[in-house]
Amino acid sequence: MLGLLGATLPDAAAAGCGPEAALRAGRLRAHLTREARRARRWNLGWGVFFGVAAVAQLGLAVADYTPVGSGEAAHVALYVNGGKAAMGALARVVLPLSIAPAPAPTGDPCLDLAASERARAAAARREKRSFWMLHAGSILVTAGGLLYLGMVEDSWKQGALSVAVGYPVSLLSIYTHPRASWALARSLPPLVVTPLMGTDVTGLAFGLTF
């Protein structure tokens, strides 16, 4: 058993939580600190990238310069691609991936471990939700650009080029998305409940087995 997560009575917590619980709590705090830092860097890096891409493509459209193809459809494609990039940048501002650090140590190994586990579980939920929302958003925006260029501008060629350029970049941003807390949640060993009974303690202990 790695360490106790909690018990029904303070005596049980004091009896069962020791160095192992404190060590795991410390590791989880360090993990969450790293994930929070990665999330900030990921938000900033991809926000800047998409912002620059949006400005560059919209600038080319305003200047009426089409580096790939010619004609009205190629010109409109610059606006479409610039708009998609702008949405990517805006998403990093409006819906950023935010990982909260674990609470500061209290000195109680049981409480510290339980708080760290809750913070790790919350980070895993945020990473999972953000990952799948980005996938869904990328598919919708990519499909919207393709259909607009193909059906409204009557240029499936420009639509296909838009997909070929934009979608791989979108996937690259998604798969560099921090996911360590989510991966840790999927690899955690099963939780075991153990009764505690004795002259000075009665309750339930929660632990992890290997």
C-alpha atoms as a PDB file:
ATOM      1  CA  MET A   1       0.000   0.000   0.000  1.00  0.00           C
ATOM      2  CA  LEU A   2       1.463   3.348  -1.040  1.00  0.00           C
ATOM      3  CA  GLY A   3      -0.191   5.459   1.574  1.00  0.00           C
ATOM      4  CA  LEU A   4      -3.492   6.225   3.233  1.00  0.00           C
ATOM      5  CA  LEU A   5      -5.715   8.882   1.717  1.00  0.00           C
ATOM      6  CA  GLY A   6      -8.040   9.303   4.637  1.00  0.00           C
ATOM      7  CA  ALA A   7      -9.947   7.719   7.504  1.00  0.00           C
ATOM      8  CA  THR A   8     -13.076   8.325   9.463  1.00  0.00           C
ATOM      9  CA  LEU A   9     -11.304   9.242  12.689  1.00  0.00           C
ATOM     10  CA  PRO A  10      -8.276  11.475  13.348  1.00  0.00           C
ATOM     11  CA  ASP A  11      -6.578   8.673  15.286  1.00  0.00           C
ATOM     12  CA  ALA A  12      -6.804   6.432  12.218  1.00  0.00           C
ATOM     13  CA  ALA A  13      -5.278   9.116  10.010  1.00  0.00           C
ATOM     14  CA  ALA A  14      -2.443   9.690  12.456  1.00  0.00           C
ATOM     15  CA  ALA A  15      -1.826   5.940  12.726  1.00  0.00           C
ATOM     16  CA  GLY A  16      -1.816   5.241   8.993  1.00  0.00           C
ATOM     17  CA  CYS A  17      -0.331   8.297   7.272  1.00  0.00           C
ATOM     18  CA  GLY A  18       3.395   8.588   7.383  1.00  0.00           C
ATOM     19  CA  PRO A  19       6.442   9.169   5.189  1.00  0.00           C
ATOM     20  CA  GLU A  20       4.927   7.354   2.199  1.00  0.00           C
ATOM     21  CA  ALA A  21       1.896   9.638   2.111  1.00  0.00           C
ATOM     22  CA  ALA A  22       4.050  12.735   2.556  1.00  0.00           C
ATOM     23  CA  LEU A  23       6.364  11.576  -0.235  1.00  0.00           C
ATOM     24  CA  ARG A  24       3.493  10.978  -2.643  1.00  0.00           C
ATOM     25  CA  ALA A  25       1.918  14.331  -1.782  1.00  0.00           C
ATOM     26  CA  GLY A  26       5.233  16.032  -2.508  1.00  0.00           C
ATOM     27  CA  ARG A  27       5.543  14.275  -5.845  1.00  0.00           C
ATOM     28  CA  LEU A  28       2.025  15.282  -6.817  1.00  0.00           C
ATOM     29  CA  ARG A  29       2.701  18.906  -5.871  1.00  0.00           C
ATOM     30  CA  ALA A  30       5.840  18.876  -8.035  1.00  0.00           C
ATOM     31  CA  HIS A  31       3.904  17.246 -10.884  1.00  0.00           C
ATOM     32  CA  LEU A  32       1.155  19.875 -10.757  1.00  0.00           C
ATOM     33  CA  THR A  33       3.705  22.695 -10.647  1.00  0.00           C
ATOM     34  CA  ARG A  34       5.296  21.326 -13.827  1.00  0.00           C
ATOM     35  CA  GLU A  35       1.910  20.890 -15.524  1.00  0.00           C
ATOM     36  CA  ALA A  36       0.844  24.427 -14.634  1.00  0.00           C
ATOM     37  CA  ARG A  37       4.073  25.772 -16.137  1.00  0.00           C
ATOM     38  CA  ARG A  38       3.624  23.665 -19.293  1.00  0.00           C
ATOM     39  CA  ALA A  39       0.051  24.833 -19.670  1.00  0.00           C
ATOM     40  CA  ARG A  40       1.094  28.489 -19.472  1.00  0.00           C
ATOM     41  CA  ARG A  41       3.819  27.967 -22.053  1.00  0.00           C
ATOM     42  CA  TRP A  42       1.493  26.013 -24.338  1.00  0.00           C
ATOM     43  CA  ASN A  43      -1.202  28.699 -24.167  1.00  0.00           C
ATOM     44  CA  LEU A  44       1.271  31.503 -24.814  1.00  0.00           C
ATOM     45  CA  GLY A  45       3.251  29.732 -27.525  1.00  0.00           C
ATOM     46  CA  TRP A  46       0.300  28.631 -29.618  1.00  0.00           C
ATOM     47  CA  GLY A  47      -1.608  31.843 -28.950  1.00  0.00           C
ATOM     48  CA  VAL A  48       1.289  33.855 -30.380  1.00  0.00           C
ATOM     49  CA  PHE A  49       1.732  31.434 -33.290  1.00  0.00           C
ATOM     50  CA  PHE A  50      -1.927  31.576 -34.337  1.00  0.00           C
ATOM     51  CA  GLY A  51      -2.024  35.332 -33.792  1.00  0.00           C
ATOM     52  CA  VAL A  52       0.981  35.885 -36.079  1.00  0.00           C
ATOM     53  CA  ALA A  53      -0.484  33.511 -38.682  1.00  0.00           C
ATOM     54  CA  ALA A  54      -3.793  35.389 -38.617  1.00  0.00           C
ATOM     55  CA  VAL A  55      -2.154  38.800 -39.031  1.00  0.00           C
ATOM     56  CA  ALA A  56       0.102  37.532 -41.840  1.00  0.00           C
ATOM     57  CA  GLN A  57      -2.716  35.976 -43.875  1.00  0.00           C
ATOM     58  CA  LEU A  58      -5.163  38.809 -43.360  1.00  0.00           C
ATOM     59  CA  GLY A  59      -2.381  41.241 -44.281  1.00  0.00           C
ATOM     60  CA  LEU A  60      -1.778  39.377 -47.537  1.00  0.00           C
ATOM     61  CA  ALA A  61      -5.508  39.439 -48.241  1.00  0.00           C
ATOM     62  CA  VAL A  62      -5.722  43.198 -47.669  1.00  0.00           C
ATOM     63  CA  ALA A  63      -2.645  43.684 -49.882  1.00  0.00           C
ATOM     64  CA  ASP A  64      -4.369  41.552 -52.537  1.00  0.00           C
ATOM     65  CA  TYR A  65      -1.375  39.234 -52.775  1.00  0.00           C
ATOM     66  CA  THR A  66      -2.017  35.491 -53.078  1.00  0.00           C
ATOM     67  CA  PRO A  67       1.152  33.399 -52.716  1.00  0.00           C
ATOM     68  CA  VAL A  68      -0.709  30.179 -53.631  1.00  0.00           C
ATOM     69  CA  GLY A  69      -3.089  30.233 -56.579  1.00  0.00           C
ATOM     70  CA  SER A  70      -4.775  33.185 -58.197  1.00  0.00           C
ATOM     71  CA  GLY A  71      -8.231  34.620 -58.630  1.00  0.00           C
ATOM     72  CA  GLU A  72     -11.036  35.546 -56.280  1.00  0.00           C
ATOM     73  CA  ALA A  73     -11.224  32.148 -54.569  1.00  0.00           C
ATOM     74  CA  ALA A  74      -7.522  32.258 -53.630  1.00  0.00           C
ATOM     75  CA  HIS A  75      -8.015  35.776 -52.281  1.00  0.00           C
ATOM     76  CA  VAL A  76     -11.009  34.725 -50.205  1.00  0.00           C
ATOM     77  CA  ALA A  77      -9.079  31.674 -48.958  1.00  0.00           C
ATOM     78  CA  LEU A  78      -6.613  34.039 -47.299  1.00  0.00           C
ATOM     79  CA  TYR A  79      -9.459  35.607 -45.341  1.00  0.00           C
ATOM     80  CA  VAL A  80     -10.799  32.162 -44.446  1.00  0.00           C
ATOM     81  CA  ASN A  81      -7.407  30.879 -43.299  1.00  0.00           C
ATOM     82  CA  GLY A  82      -6.695  34.103 -41.430  1.00  0.00           C
ATOM     83  CA  GLY A  83     -10.052  33.812 -39.700  1.00  0.00           C
ATOM     84  CA  LYS A  84      -9.335  30.233 -38.666  1.00  0.00           C
ATOM     85  CA  ALA A  85      -5.963  31.231 -37.259  1.00  0.00           C
ATOM     86  CA  ALA A  86      -7.590  34.128 -35.398  1.00  0.00           C
ATOM     87  CA  MET A  87     -10.043  31.679 -33.830  1.00  0.00           C
ATOM     88  CA  GLY A  88      -7.120  29.537 -32.697  1.00  0.00           C
ATOM     89  CA  ALA A  89      -5.474  32.541 -31.057  1.00  0.00           C
ATOM     90  CA  LEU A  90      -8.742  33.685 -29.478  1.00  0.00           C
ATOM     91  CA  ALA A  91      -9.359  30.224 -28.042  1.00  0.00           C
ATOM     92  CA  ARG A  92      -6.061  30.446 -26.141  1.00  0.00           C
ATOM     93  CA  VAL A  93      -7.317  33.665 -24.545  1.00  0.00           C
ATOM     94  CA  VAL A  94     -10.993  32.835 -23.959  1.00  0.00           C
ATOM     95  CA  LEU A  95     -10.614  29.129 -23.095  1.00  0.00           C
ATOM     96  CA  PRO A  96      -7.017  28.672 -21.939  1.00  0.00           C
ATOM     97  CA  LEU A  97      -5.817  25.446 -20.397  1.00  0.00           C
ATOM     98  CA  SER A  98      -5.444  26.305 -16.717  1.00  0.00           C
ATOM     99  CA  ILE A  99      -3.832  23.927 -14.225  1.00  0.00           C
ATOM    100  CA  ALA A 100      -4.082  24.908 -10.563  1.00  0.00           C
ATOM    101  CA  PRO A 101      -1.175  23.959  -8.290  1.00  0.00           C
ATOM    102  CA  ALA A 102      -1.719  21.721  -5.302  1.00  0.00           C
ATOM    103  CA  PRO A 103      -2.486  23.463  -1.988  1.00  0.00           C
ATOM    104  CA  ALA A 104       0.455  24.301   0.233  1.00  0.00           C
ATOM    105  CA  PRO A 105       1.460  21.619   2.754  1.00  0.00           C
ATOM    106  CA  THR A 106      -0.402  21.685   6.034  1.00  0.00           C
ATOM    107  CA  GLY A 107       1.924  19.368   7.930  1.00  0.00           C
ATOM    108  CA  ASP A 108      -0.676  16.587   8.031  1.00  0.00           C
ATOM    109  CA  PRO A 109       0.369  13.852   5.535  1.00  0.00           C
ATOM    110  CA  CYS A 110      -3.198  12.543   5.166  1.00  0.00           C
ATOM    111  CA  LEU A 111      -4.700  15.956   4.445  1.00  0.00           C
ATOM    112  CA  ASP A 112      -1.845  16.924   2.151  1.00  0.00           C
ATOM    113  CA  LEU A 113      -2.146  13.719   0.125  1.00  0.00           C
ATOM    114  CA  ALA A 114      -5.928  14.008  -0.180  1.00  0.00           C
ATOM    115  CA  ALA A 115      -5.651  17.650  -1.299  1.00  0.00           C
ATOM    116  CA  SER A 116      -2.944  16.806  -3.808  1.00  0.00           C
ATOM    117  CA  GLU A 117      -5.004  13.934  -5.227  1.00  0.00           C
ATOM    118  CA  ARG A 118      -8.027  16.209  -5.630  1.00  0.00           C
ATOM    119  CA  ALA A 119      -5.904  18.818  -7.409  1.00  0.00           C
ATOM    120  CA  ARG A 120      -4.422  16.140  -9.696  1.00  0.00           C
ATOM    121  CA  ALA A 121      -7.904  14.792 -10.505  1.00  0.00           C
ATOM    122  CA  ALA A 122      -9.132  18.319 -11.312  1.00  0.00           C
ATOM    123  CA  ALA A 123      -6.118  18.868 -13.591  1.00  0.00           C
ATOM    124  CA  ALA A 124      -6.815  15.572 -15.365  1.00  0.00           C
ATOM    125  CA  ARG A 125     -10.428  16.586 -16.005  1.00  0.00           C
ATOM    126  CA  ARG A 126      -9.345  19.957 -17.405  1.00  0.00           C
ATOM    127  CA  GLU A 127      -6.762  18.377 -19.698  1.00  0.00           C
ATOM    128  CA  LYS A 128      -9.179  15.766 -20.980  1.00  0.00           C
ATOM    129  CA  ARG A 129     -11.981  18.271 -21.562  1.00  0.00           C
ATOM    130  CA  SER A 130      -9.672  20.752 -23.278  1.00  0.00           C
ATOM    131  CA  PHE A 131      -8.107  18.046 -25.485  1.00  0.00           C
ATOM    132  CA  TRP A 132     -11.444  16.806 -26.848  1.00  0.00           C
ATOM    133  CA  MET A 133     -12.916  20.294 -27.154  1.00  0.00           C
ATOM    134  CA  LEU A 134      -9.927  21.307 -29.274  1.00  0.00           C
ATOM    135  CA  HIS A 135     -10.442  18.273 -31.499  1.00  0.00           C
ATOM    136  CA  ALA A 136     -14.120  19.082 -31.965  1.00  0.00           C
ATOM    137  CA  GLY A 137     -13.440  22.766 -32.598  1.00  0.00           C
ATOM    138  CA  SER A 138     -10.689  22.004 -35.092  1.00  0.00           C
ATOM    139  CA  ILE A 139     -12.924  19.655 -37.090  1.00  0.00           C
ATOM    140  CA  LEU A 140     -15.804  22.142 -37.137  1.00  0.00           C
ATOM    141  CA  VAL A 141     -13.652  25.105 -38.186  1.00  0.00           C
ATOM    142  CA  THR A 142     -11.790  23.081 -40.816  1.00  0.00           C
ATOM    143  CA  ALA A 143     -15.010  21.656 -42.246  1.00  0.00           C
ATOM    144  CA  GLY A 144     -16.611  25.108 -42.239  1.00  0.00           C
ATOM    145  CA  GLY A 145     -13.723  26.585 -44.239  1.00  0.00           C
ATOM    146  CA  LEU A 146     -13.788  23.706 -46.715  1.00  0.00           C
ATOM    147  CA  LEU A 147     -17.534  23.950 -47.287  1.00  0.00           C
ATOM    148  CA  TYR A 148     -17.478  27.727 -47.638  1.00  0.00           C
ATOM    149  CA  LEU A 149     -14.691  27.724 -50.198  1.00  0.00           C
ATOM    150  CA  GLY A 150     -16.145  24.755 -52.045  1.00  0.00           C
ATOM    151  CA  MET A 151     -19.834  25.636 -52.064  1.00  0.00           C
ATOM    152  CA  VAL A 152     -19.885  29.441 -51.878  1.00  0.00           C
ATOM    153  CA  GLU A 153     -16.676  30.288 -53.754  1.00  0.00           C
ATOM    154  CA  ASP A 154     -16.975  27.241 -56.014  1.00  0.00           C
ATOM    155  CA  SER A 155     -13.364  26.245 -55.434  1.00  0.00           C
ATOM    156  CA  TRP A 156     -12.917  22.860 -53.829  1.00  0.00           C
ATOM    157  CA  LYS A 157      -9.242  23.122 -54.748  1.00  0.00           C
ATOM    158  CA  GLN A 158      -8.779  26.116 -52.447  1.00  0.00           C
ATOM    159  CA  GLY A 159     -10.872  24.342 -49.831  1.00  0.00           C
ATOM    160  CA  ALA A 160      -8.611  21.306 -50.006  1.00  0.00           C
ATOM    161  CA  LEU A 161      -5.502  23.506 -49.768  1.00  0.00           C
ATOM    162  CA  SER A 162      -6.987  25.203 -46.736  1.00  0.00           C
ATOM    163  CA  VAL A 163      -7.495  21.815 -45.067  1.00  0.00           C
ATOM    164  CA  ALA A 164      -4.047  20.557 -46.075  1.00  0.00           C
ATOM    165  CA  VAL A 165      -2.341  23.565 -44.529  1.00  0.00           C
ATOM    166  CA  GLY A 166      -4.516  24.292 -41.520  1.00  0.00           C
ATOM    167  CA  TYR A 167      -5.581  20.921 -40.143  1.00  0.00           C
ATOM    168  CA  PRO A 168      -2.087  19.415 -39.594  1.00  0.00           C
ATOM    169  CA  VAL A 169      -1.051  22.577 -37.739  1.00  0.00           C
ATOM    170  CA  SER A 170      -4.172  22.305 -35.617  1.00  0.00           C
ATOM    171  CA  LEU A 171      -3.371  18.673 -34.821  1.00  0.00           C
ATOM    172  CA  LEU A 172       0.185  19.639 -33.905  1.00  0.00           C
ATOM    173  CA  SER A 173      -1.136  22.169 -31.411  1.00  0.00           C
ATOM    174  CA  ILE A 174      -3.551  19.608 -29.964  1.00  0.00           C
ATOM    175  CA  TYR A 175      -0.983  16.847 -29.562  1.00  0.00           C
ATOM    176  CA  THR A 176       1.525  19.149 -27.865  1.00  0.00           C
ATOM    177  CA  HIS A 177      -1.233  19.962 -25.354  1.00  0.00           C
ATOM    178  CA  PRO A 178      -0.205  19.027 -21.775  1.00  0.00           C
ATOM    179  CA  ARG A 179      -1.781  15.689 -20.833  1.00  0.00           C
ATOM    180  CA  ALA A 180       0.420  14.268 -18.070  1.00  0.00           C
ATOM    181  CA  SER A 181      -2.220  14.577 -15.322  1.00  0.00           C
ATOM    182  CA  TRP A 182      -4.780  12.856 -17.539  1.00  0.00           C
ATOM    183  CA  ALA A 183      -2.284  10.083 -18.334  1.00  0.00           C
ATOM    184  CA  LEU A 184      -1.480   9.715 -14.638  1.00  0.00           C
ATOM    185  CA  ALA A 185      -5.183   9.344 -13.837  1.00  0.00           C
ATOM    186  CA  ARG A 186      -5.495   6.510 -16.344  1.00  0.00           C
ATOM    187  CA  SER A 187      -2.474   4.684 -14.925  1.00  0.00           C
ATOM    188  CA  LEU A 188      -3.309   4.948 -11.226  1.00  0.00           C
ATOM    189  CA  PRO A 189      -3.595   1.633  -9.377  1.00  0.00           C
ATOM    190  CA  PRO A 190      -6.969   0.625  -7.924  1.00  0.00           C
ATOM    191  CA  LEU A 191      -8.260   2.173  -4.727  1.00  0.00           C
ATOM    192  CA  VAL A 192      -8.638  -0.196  -1.801  1.00  0.00           C
ATOM    193  CA  VAL A 193     -10.769   0.332   1.294  1.00  0.00           C
ATOM    194  CA  THR A 194      -9.464  -1.305   4.479  1.00  0.00           C
ATOM    195  CA  PRO A 195     -11.296  -1.457   7.815  1.00  0.00           C
ATOM    196  CA  LEU A 196      -9.376  -0.180  10.829  1.00  0.00           C
ATOM    197  CA  MET A 197     -10.382  -1.717  14.117  1.00  0.00           C
ATOM    198  CA  GLY A 198      -8.582  -1.625  17.429  1.00  0.00           C
ATOM    199  CA  THR A 199      -8.740  -0.396  20.964  1.00  0.00           C
ATOM    200  CA  ASP A 200      -8.000   3.207  20.002  1.00  0.00           C
ATOM    201  CA  VAL A 201      -9.165   3.394  16.407  1.00  0.00           C
ATOM    202  CA  THR A 202     -12.202   2.461  14.371  1.00  0.00           C
ATOM    203  CA  GLY A 203     -12.900   3.505  10.811  1.00  0.00           C
ATOM    204  CA  LEU A 204     -11.967   3.015   7.161  1.00  0.00           C
ATOM    205  CA  ALA A 205      -8.667   3.668   5.451  1.00  0.00           C
ATOM    206  CA  PHE A 206      -8.362   4.345   1.726  1.00  0.00           C
ATOM    207  CA  GLY A 207      -5.210   3.327  -0.063  1.00  0.00           C
ATOM    208  CA  LEU A 208      -3.542   2.336  -3.333  1.00  0.00           C
ATOM    209  CA  THR A 209      -2.170  -1.117  -4.072  1.00  0.00           C
ATOM    210  CA  PHE A 210       0.596  -2.294  -6.411  1.00  0.00           C
END
